[in-house]
Amino acid sequence: MTIQEMHDSVMQGVDKINAQVADTLLSNEIDRELNKAIQRFVNTRFQQNNRYGQGFEESQKRRDDLRSLVTETVYNTDFKEEVRGSTHPNGALYADSFSLPNDYMYMIHSMAGIQRMNDCSKIPYILEDQDSIYYFVIPVSDFLANGGTNWIDSLWIVPGNQFELNWGNEGFGMTNIWTNEDYQGVSYNNNEQEIIDSVLDTGFGMGPGSVTFYENFIGPTPGFGIITSINNLVFPGSIVIAFTNTLLANSLGVENVNADPSLGDVPTLVGRYNNENVVSTPIQYQQDLGLKRIPSTKDFIRESYACRMVQHDDVFTMSSDPFNKTKYSSPLTVMRGNIIDIYSDDEYITEKLRLTYLRKPATVSQYLNAGCDLPEHTHQEIVTLAVSSILEAISDPRYQTHQMEMGNME
């Protein structure tokens, strides 16, 4: 169903014949009830608090109900601390951290990518800083020009913020990274996806060290080569263009790679329409990405194993037990806030974590024309849940009957 069809179905479900009860419901009230129903639907299907006592993946119906929310992502870990040194009676213990994606809701499965010596001896390592990330964020709405009716013509990277005065000066250092060749003069919101695809497909000819992606929470951020920890960037509805400092300096000729105004001109991304600058955004800088353990030998192998999630107060007891301690084939992990900590000993290094999880469902909004992103067959069930909630709120006598009908819905 489209968002308008879901609204109409809710109003028809609440309304009595010729009573026009639903006329008093505002669109934002229906949106709120639909979003509550979506969250309730996801919770009851993922857990076992439903009629059949079946959780996620315990039946094909449950798998199909939530399949559009199942997401997989792989990110590098950051070195957190050395918990115990190698001289400790129970051996060395290290902790690495993994930041949960911002659309994370429920974990399904986690797997650690580890590095170890082939003979299971201690693996030597060094600590290195991870690459800094520099990025431009362009909301798709900023691609509109000419009073919000047409798409912009081109994107440029220019030094400093005085580009209005310096534009066209020889040696000013302007770099054209995208030209709207196919959709100039096309009115909004026609061809919106084509505009996004055009920017993403360009790649700017920069090769390794840059990545461009559209953040919409529909799926995991695509692979981005040598750029790491970009999962911390969250800008729904925006195109993100990210670079390493080496690429900025060598390929784009940007001298101020620290994005610090005190060190000189900070690069700016400028959008133009009909030879006029209509939108601009300065480069942003993500500096503190933490350290990472890197093997100091090339004689190692990579493998992947399922993580073993345990309680916080059991970590140190288990790590001292030779039968339950963390090992490369079963790394101990715990969760704290938006972080997963993975514990390792001196026989292996946790390089990355592959996380399969249930992401947050999209928020429906009639005003934004944002519909439900759950599978089509679930939409009527969600409408039924929303109608039931509204009938209860207005103390309608049909609520009990509606509840009985809803019990047969699955």
Protein backbone atom coordinates (compact mmCIF):
# COMPACT_ATOMS: atom_id res chain seq x y z
CA MET A 1 0.00 0.00 0.00
CA THR A 2 1.04 3.58 -0.53
CA ILE A 3 0.95 5.91 2.47
CA GLN A 4 -2.26 7.46 1.14
CA GLU A 5 -3.89 4.04 0.80
CA MET A 6 -2.89 3.18 4.38
CA HIS A 7 -4.42 6.45 5.60
CA ASP A 8 -7.63 5.75 3.71
CA SER A 9 -7.80 2.20 5.11
CA VAL A 10 -7.37 3.47 8.67
CA MET A 11 -10.13 6.02 8.25
CA GLN A 12 -12.45 3.41 6.73
CA GLY A 13 -11.70 1.03 9.60
CA VAL A 14 -12.43 3.62 12.27
CA ASP A 15 -15.41 5.27 10.63
CA LYS A 16 -18.97 4.11 11.14
CA ILE A 17 -21.27 4.14 8.15
CA ASN A 18 -22.38 7.75 7.56
CA ALA A 19 -21.10 8.72 11.04
CA GLN A 20 -17.90 10.38 9.74
CA VAL A 21 -16.13 9.67 13.03
CA ALA A 22 -12.80 9.49 11.21
CA ASP A 23 -13.21 13.03 9.91
CA THR A 24 -11.89 14.25 13.27
CA LEU A 25 -8.58 12.40 12.79
CA LEU A 26 -5.69 14.54 11.56
CA SER A 27 -3.12 13.10 9.17
CA ASN A 28 -0.32 13.43 11.72
CA GLU A 29 -2.47 11.52 14.24
CA ILE A 30 -2.92 8.69 11.75
CA ASP A 31 0.83 8.75 11.03
CA ARG A 32 1.51 8.42 14.74
CA GLU A 33 -0.84 5.46 15.11
CA LEU A 34 0.63 3.76 12.03
CA ASN A 35 4.17 4.17 13.36
CA LYS A 36 3.10 2.77 16.73
CA ALA A 37 1.47 -0.16 14.93
CA ILE A 38 4.61 -0.80 12.86
CA GLN A 39 6.76 -0.91 15.98
CA ARG A 40 4.28 -3.20 17.74
CA PHE A 41 4.13 -5.45 14.68
CA VAL A 42 7.93 -5.76 14.53
CA ASN A 43 8.25 -6.45 18.26
CA THR A 44 5.61 -9.17 18.34
CA ARG A 45 7.04 -10.88 15.24
CA PHE A 46 10.65 -10.70 16.35
CA GLN A 47 9.96 -11.90 19.88
CA GLN A 48 7.62 -14.64 21.03
CA ASN A 49 4.88 -12.51 22.60
CA ASN A 50 2.32 -13.38 19.95
CA ARG A 51 -0.51 -15.83 19.47
CA TYR A 52 1.67 -18.69 18.23
CA GLY A 53 4.62 -18.07 20.54
CA GLN A 54 6.95 -18.00 17.53
CA GLY A 55 9.86 -15.61 17.22
CA PHE A 56 11.79 -14.44 14.20
CA GLU A 57 12.78 -17.26 11.81
CA GLU A 58 10.75 -19.85 13.74
CA SER A 59 8.30 -20.06 10.87
CA GLN A 60 8.25 -18.95 7.24
CA LYS A 61 5.52 -16.41 8.04
CA ARG A 62 7.82 -14.76 10.59
CA ARG A 63 10.71 -14.68 8.12
CA ASP A 64 8.54 -13.09 5.45
CA ASP A 65 7.05 -10.55 7.86
CA LEU A 66 10.43 -9.00 8.68
CA ARG A 67 12.67 -9.90 5.72
CA SER A 68 12.85 -6.32 4.41
CA LEU A 69 14.40 -5.18 7.71
CA VAL A 70 17.16 -7.81 7.80
CA THR A 71 20.44 -6.03 7.16
CA GLU A 72 24.07 -7.14 7.07
CA THR A 73 27.09 -4.90 7.43
CA VAL A 74 30.85 -5.33 7.93
CA TYR A 75 33.03 -2.72 9.65
CA ASN A 76 36.53 -2.61 11.07
CA THR A 77 37.00 -2.65 14.82
CA ASP A 78 38.85 -0.04 16.91
CA PHE A 79 41.40 -0.98 19.55
CA LYS A 80 39.93 -0.14 22.95
CA GLU A 81 42.47 -1.27 25.56
CA GLU A 82 44.88 -3.88 26.87
CA VAL A 83 42.93 -5.34 29.78
CA ARG A 84 45.73 -7.69 30.89
CA GLY A 85 49.35 -7.85 29.85
CA SER A 86 51.15 -10.96 28.69
CA THR A 87 52.80 -11.32 32.13
CA HIS A 88 49.45 -11.85 33.85
CA PRO A 89 48.99 -15.40 35.26
CA ASN A 90 45.86 -15.85 33.12
CA GLY A 91 47.48 -14.47 29.98
CA ALA A 92 46.94 -11.36 27.92
CA LEU A 93 43.46 -9.96 27.29
CA TYR A 94 42.62 -7.24 24.76
CA ALA A 95 39.37 -5.42 23.97
CA ASP A 96 38.36 -4.08 20.55
CA SER A 97 35.20 -2.08 19.87
CA PHE A 98 32.63 -2.02 17.10
CA SER A 99 30.12 0.84 16.72
CA LEU A 100 26.55 -0.26 16.04
CA PRO A 101 24.97 1.15 12.87
CA ASN A 102 22.64 4.04 13.58
CA ASP A 103 19.66 2.16 12.14
CA TYR A 104 20.31 -0.85 14.40
CA MET A 105 17.37 -2.24 16.37
CA TYR A 106 17.79 -5.98 17.15
CA MET A 107 20.78 -8.27 16.71
CA ILE A 108 20.35 -11.48 14.75
CA HIS A 109 23.92 -12.75 14.37
CA SER A 110 27.49 -11.49 14.74
CA MET A 111 30.70 -12.93 13.30
CA ALA A 112 34.25 -11.77 13.96
CA GLY A 113 36.92 -11.59 11.28
CA ILE A 114 40.17 -12.54 12.98
CA GLN A 115 43.87 -12.65 12.11
CA ARG A 116 46.07 -15.36 13.62
CA MET A 117 49.28 -17.29 13.07
CA ASN A 118 48.87 -20.58 11.25
CA ASP A 119 50.59 -22.48 14.08
CA CYS A 120 48.48 -20.77 16.79
CA SER A 121 51.51 -19.02 18.26
CA LYS A 122 51.32 -15.47 19.60
CA ILE A 123 50.71 -12.94 16.85
CA PRO A 124 52.93 -9.83 16.95
CA TYR A 125 51.24 -6.48 16.31
CA ILE A 126 51.69 -2.73 16.20
CA LEU A 127 49.18 0.04 16.91
CA GLU A 128 48.35 2.38 14.05
CA ASP A 129 46.05 5.36 13.64
CA GLN A 130 43.15 4.74 11.29
CA ASP A 131 42.72 6.97 8.26
CA SER A 132 40.98 10.26 8.91
CA ILE A 133 37.84 10.89 6.90
CA TYR A 134 36.88 14.11 5.15
CA TYR A 135 33.44 14.39 3.66
CA PHE A 136 30.84 16.61 2.06
CA VAL A 137 27.15 16.11 2.84
CA ILE A 138 24.59 17.17 0.25
CA PRO A 139 20.90 16.74 1.11
CA VAL A 140 19.05 15.83 -2.06
CA SER A 141 16.77 18.81 -1.40
CA ASP A 142 19.82 21.04 -1.91
CA PHE A 143 20.02 19.89 -5.52
CA LEU A 144 17.02 22.09 -6.17
CA ALA A 145 17.58 25.53 -7.69
CA ASN A 146 15.62 28.21 -9.52
CA GLY A 147 13.19 28.69 -6.65
CA GLY A 148 13.06 24.99 -5.89
CA THR A 149 11.76 23.94 -9.29
CA ASN A 150 14.80 22.57 -11.16
CA TRP A 151 17.90 20.50 -10.51
CA ILE A 152 21.31 22.17 -10.26
CA ASP A 153 23.70 22.00 -13.22
CA SER A 154 27.03 21.03 -11.64
CA LEU A 155 29.08 20.41 -8.48
CA TRP A 156 32.49 21.97 -7.82
CA ILE A 157 35.13 21.68 -5.10
CA VAL A 158 36.71 25.08 -4.46
CA PRO A 159 39.12 26.37 -1.80
CA GLY A 160 37.86 28.73 0.87
CA ASN A 161 34.48 30.40 1.25
CA GLN A 162 35.13 33.49 -0.91
CA PHE A 163 34.21 31.67 -4.11
CA GLU A 164 31.56 34.25 -5.00
CA LEU A 165 34.37 36.83 -5.37
CA ASN A 166 37.04 34.54 -6.79
CA TRP A 167 34.96 32.46 -9.19
CA GLY A 168 36.56 32.34 -12.62
CA ASN A 169 39.95 33.71 -11.48
CA GLU A 170 42.81 31.81 -13.06
CA GLY A 171 44.56 29.55 -10.54
CA PHE A 172 41.67 29.70 -8.08
CA GLY A 173 41.77 25.89 -7.89
CA MET A 174 38.21 24.96 -8.84
CA THR A 175 37.55 21.27 -9.56
CA ASN A 176 34.41 20.18 -11.40
CA ILE A 177 33.34 16.80 -10.01
CA TRP A 178 29.86 16.38 -11.51
CA THR A 179 27.85 17.82 -14.38
CA ASN A 180 24.11 17.38 -14.82
CA GLU A 181 24.15 16.38 -18.47
CA ASP A 182 20.75 14.70 -18.78
CA TYR A 183 18.33 16.47 -16.45
CA GLN A 184 18.99 20.19 -16.74
CA GLY A 185 15.75 22.10 -16.66
CA VAL A 186 13.83 19.05 -15.38
CA SER A 187 11.42 20.08 -12.63
CA TYR A 188 11.25 18.58 -9.16
CA ASN A 189 10.39 15.89 -8.22
CA ASN A 190 10.72 14.21 -11.61
CA ASN A 191 13.84 12.07 -12.10
CA GLU A 192 14.94 12.36 -8.47
CA GLN A 193 16.33 8.82 -8.41
CA GLU A 194 18.04 9.38 -11.76
CA ILE A 195 19.80 12.46 -10.35
CA ILE A 196 20.98 10.47 -7.32
CA ASP A 197 22.17 7.60 -9.52
CA SER A 198 23.99 10.02 -11.80
CA VAL A 199 26.00 11.43 -8.90
CA LEU A 200 26.72 7.98 -7.45
CA ASP A 201 27.73 6.53 -10.81
CA THR A 202 30.14 9.34 -11.64
CA GLY A 203 32.68 8.27 -9.04
CA PHE A 204 34.47 11.56 -9.82
CA GLY A 205 37.29 9.61 -11.46
CA MET A 206 39.23 9.58 -8.22
CA GLY A 207 39.73 5.86 -7.74
CA PRO A 208 40.61 4.31 -4.35
CA GLY A 209 40.42 6.67 -1.42
CA SER A 210 36.99 8.11 -2.13
CA VAL A 211 33.44 6.86 -1.79
CA THR A 212 30.06 8.30 -2.67
CA PHE A 213 26.82 6.89 -1.31
CA TYR A 214 23.22 7.85 -0.69
CA GLU A 215 22.13 7.48 2.93
CA ASN A 216 18.52 6.36 3.13
CA PHE A 217 18.59 3.58 5.77
CA ILE A 218 17.29 1.11 3.20
CA GLY A 219 20.38 -1.07 3.44
CA PRO A 220 24.00 -1.13 4.58
CA THR A 221 26.48 1.44 3.42
CA PRO A 222 28.24 0.01 0.34
CA GLY A 223 31.85 -1.12 0.39
CA PHE A 224 34.27 1.77 0.51
CA GLY A 225 37.75 0.33 0.04
CA ILE A 226 40.34 1.86 2.31
CA ILE A 227 37.97 4.28 4.02
CA THR A 228 36.97 2.95 7.43
CA SER A 229 34.63 3.86 10.29
CA ILE A 230 32.29 5.71 7.96
CA ASN A 231 29.38 4.04 9.71
CA ASN A 232 29.41 7.00 12.11
CA LEU A 233 28.15 9.30 9.35
CA VAL A 234 24.37 9.49 9.45
CA PHE A 235 22.61 11.88 7.09
CA PRO A 236 19.31 10.39 5.85
CA GLY A 237 18.19 11.69 2.49
CA SER A 238 21.66 12.98 1.66
CA ILE A 239 24.50 12.12 -0.68
CA VAL A 240 27.81 11.76 1.17
CA ILE A 241 31.14 12.19 -0.65
CA ALA A 242 34.06 11.04 1.51
CA PHE A 243 37.83 11.19 0.93
CA THR A 244 41.08 10.22 2.60
CA ASN A 245 43.57 13.01 3.28
CA THR A 246 45.99 11.56 0.70
CA LEU A 247 43.40 11.81 -2.06
CA LEU A 248 42.50 15.36 -1.09
CA ALA A 249 46.11 16.48 -1.20
CA ASN A 250 47.31 14.56 -4.27
CA SER A 251 44.31 14.34 -6.60
CA LEU A 252 42.40 17.50 -5.68
CA GLY A 253 45.32 19.71 -4.71
CA VAL A 254 43.75 20.57 -1.36
CA GLU A 255 46.45 21.83 0.97
CA ASN A 256 44.40 22.22 4.14
CA VAL A 257 43.56 18.57 4.72
CA ASN A 258 42.78 19.21 8.40
CA ALA A 259 39.73 21.33 7.50
CA ASP A 260 40.97 23.84 10.08
CA PRO A 261 40.26 27.48 9.11
CA SER A 262 43.36 28.61 11.02
CA LEU A 263 45.53 26.59 8.62
CA GLY A 264 44.18 28.15 5.44
CA ASP A 265 41.30 27.81 3.05
CA VAL A 266 38.88 25.00 3.87
CA PRO A 267 37.48 23.24 0.75
CA THR A 268 33.84 23.92 -0.07
CA LEU A 269 31.44 22.00 -2.27
CA VAL A 270 29.46 24.36 -4.49
CA GLY A 271 26.37 23.65 -6.60
CA ARG A 272 25.66 25.89 -9.60
CA TYR A 273 22.59 26.64 -11.70
CA ASN A 274 22.66 28.78 -14.85
CA ASN A 275 26.23 29.90 -14.06
CA GLU A 276 25.25 31.03 -10.56
CA ASN A 277 26.31 29.55 -7.21
CA VAL A 278 23.09 28.43 -5.52
CA VAL A 279 24.19 26.07 -2.74
CA SER A 280 27.40 25.36 -0.82
CA THR A 281 28.60 23.14 2.03
CA PRO A 282 32.06 23.14 3.68
CA ILE A 283 34.07 19.97 4.09
CA GLN A 284 33.68 18.16 7.40
CA TYR A 285 36.40 16.32 9.26
CA GLN A 286 36.24 13.16 11.35
CA GLN A 287 39.58 12.98 13.13
CA ASP A 288 39.30 10.75 16.18
CA LEU A 289 38.79 7.30 14.69
CA GLY A 290 40.91 5.52 17.29
CA LEU A 291 43.76 3.06 16.99
CA LYS A 292 43.84 -0.36 15.40
CA ARG A 293 46.00 -3.41 16.00
CA ILE A 294 47.88 -4.38 12.85
CA PRO A 295 49.92 -7.61 12.55
CA SER A 296 53.62 -6.77 12.33
CA THR A 297 54.20 -9.89 10.25
CA LYS A 298 52.87 -11.02 6.89
CA ASP A 299 52.83 -14.65 7.97
CA PHE A 300 49.25 -14.78 9.24
CA ILE A 301 45.88 -16.09 8.10
CA ARG A 302 42.37 -14.61 8.14
CA GLU A 303 39.30 -16.51 9.31
CA SER A 304 35.76 -15.77 10.46
CA TYR A 305 33.95 -17.23 13.46
CA ALA A 306 30.65 -16.65 15.27
CA CYS A 307 30.87 -14.46 18.35
CA ARG A 308 29.86 -15.66 21.80
CA MET A 309 27.73 -13.01 23.55
CA VAL A 310 28.08 -13.18 27.36
CA GLN A 311 27.20 -11.14 30.44
CA HIS A 312 29.47 -8.31 31.55
CA ASP A 313 30.17 -9.81 34.97
CA ASP A 314 31.15 -13.14 33.36
CA VAL A 315 33.82 -11.81 31.00
CA PHE A 316 36.76 -11.82 33.41
CA THR A 317 35.76 -15.07 35.10
CA MET A 318 35.42 -16.84 31.76
CA SER A 319 38.62 -15.30 30.39
CA SER A 320 40.50 -16.93 33.28
CA ASP A 321 38.91 -20.33 32.70
CA PRO A 322 40.89 -22.41 30.16
CA PHE A 323 37.68 -24.15 29.04
CA ASN A 324 35.59 -20.98 28.58
CA LYS A 325 38.13 -18.27 27.79
CA THR A 326 37.96 -16.20 24.65
CA LYS A 327 39.53 -17.94 21.65
CA TYR A 328 39.73 -17.23 17.96
CA SER A 329 37.04 -19.81 17.17
CA SER A 330 34.64 -18.27 19.70
CA PRO A 331 35.43 -14.66 20.71
CA LEU A 332 33.74 -13.34 23.84
CA THR A 333 31.60 -10.25 23.22
CA VAL A 334 29.46 -7.89 25.30
CA MET A 335 27.27 -4.90 24.49
CA ARG A 336 27.45 -1.46 26.13
CA GLY A 337 25.41 1.43 24.80
CA ASN A 338 25.94 1.58 21.04
CA ILE A 339 29.16 -0.42 21.21
CA ILE A 340 30.02 -4.11 20.95
CA ASP A 341 33.25 -5.02 22.75
CA ILE A 342 35.12 -8.07 21.44
CA TYR A 343 37.71 -9.67 23.73
CA SER A 344 40.78 -11.46 22.37
CA ASP A 345 44.00 -12.96 23.68
CA ASP A 346 47.54 -12.73 22.28
CA GLU A 347 46.91 -15.53 19.76
CA TYR A 348 44.63 -13.52 17.48
CA ILE A 349 43.54 -10.02 16.52
CA THR A 350 39.93 -9.06 15.88
CA GLU A 351 40.06 -7.22 12.56
CA LYS A 352 36.38 -6.62 11.81
CA LEU A 353 32.87 -7.60 12.74
CA ARG A 354 30.14 -8.83 10.41
CA LEU A 355 26.78 -7.95 11.93
CA THR A 356 23.38 -9.24 10.80
CA TYR A 357 20.63 -7.26 12.45
CA LEU A 358 17.10 -6.01 12.23
CA ARG A 359 17.17 -2.32 11.34
CA LYS A 360 14.65 0.29 12.42
CA PRO A 361 11.63 0.44 10.11
CA ALA A 362 11.10 3.64 8.15
CA THR A 363 8.91 6.28 9.75
CA VAL A 364 5.74 6.74 7.72
CA SER A 365 4.58 10.27 6.97
CA GLN A 366 1.81 11.37 4.65
CA TYR A 367 3.29 14.89 4.48
CA LEU A 368 6.67 13.56 3.33
CA ASN A 369 5.06 10.86 1.16
CA ALA A 370 7.10 8.27 3.09
CA GLY A 371 5.40 4.88 3.11
CA CYS A 372 5.87 1.67 5.03
CA ASP A 373 8.97 -0.32 4.04
CA LEU A 374 7.77 -3.63 5.47
CA PRO A 375 6.66 -6.28 2.93
CA GLU A 376 3.42 -5.52 1.13
CA HIS A 377 1.53 -8.43 2.71
CA THR A 378 2.00 -6.91 6.19
CA HIS A 379 0.42 -3.54 5.44
CA GLN A 380 -3.17 -4.59 6.10
CA GLU A 381 -2.12 -6.17 9.41
CA ILE A 382 -0.45 -2.89 10.40
CA VAL A 383 -3.57 -0.94 9.44
CA THR A 384 -5.64 -3.32 11.58
CA LEU A 385 -3.34 -2.74 14.56
CA ALA A 386 -3.61 1.03 14.09
CA VAL A 387 -7.41 0.89 13.85
CA SER A 388 -7.58 -1.18 17.03
CA SER A 389 -5.45 1.36 18.89
CA ILE A 390 -7.64 4.24 17.74
CA LEU A 391 -10.88 2.44 18.68
CA GLU A 392 -9.47 1.81 22.16
CA ALA A 393 -8.43 5.46 22.51
CA ILE A 394 -11.90 6.76 21.62
CA SER A 395 -13.58 4.08 23.79
CA ASP A 396 -15.52 2.71 20.84
CA PRO A 397 -17.63 -0.37 21.75
CA ARG A 398 -16.37 -2.05 18.58
CA TYR A 399 -12.92 -2.38 20.19
CA GLN A 400 -13.59 -5.83 21.74
CA THR A 401 -14.97 -7.18 18.47
CA HIS A 402 -12.05 -5.77 16.59
CA GLN A 403 -9.62 -7.42 19.03
CA MET A 404 -11.19 -10.82 18.41
CA GLU A 405 -10.91 -10.35 14.67
CA MET A 406 -7.30 -9.26 15.07
CA GLY A 407 -6.57 -12.48 16.96
CA ASN A 408 -7.41 -14.40 13.80
CA MET A 409 -5.31 -12.13 11.64
CA GLU A 410 -2.13 -14.24 11.70
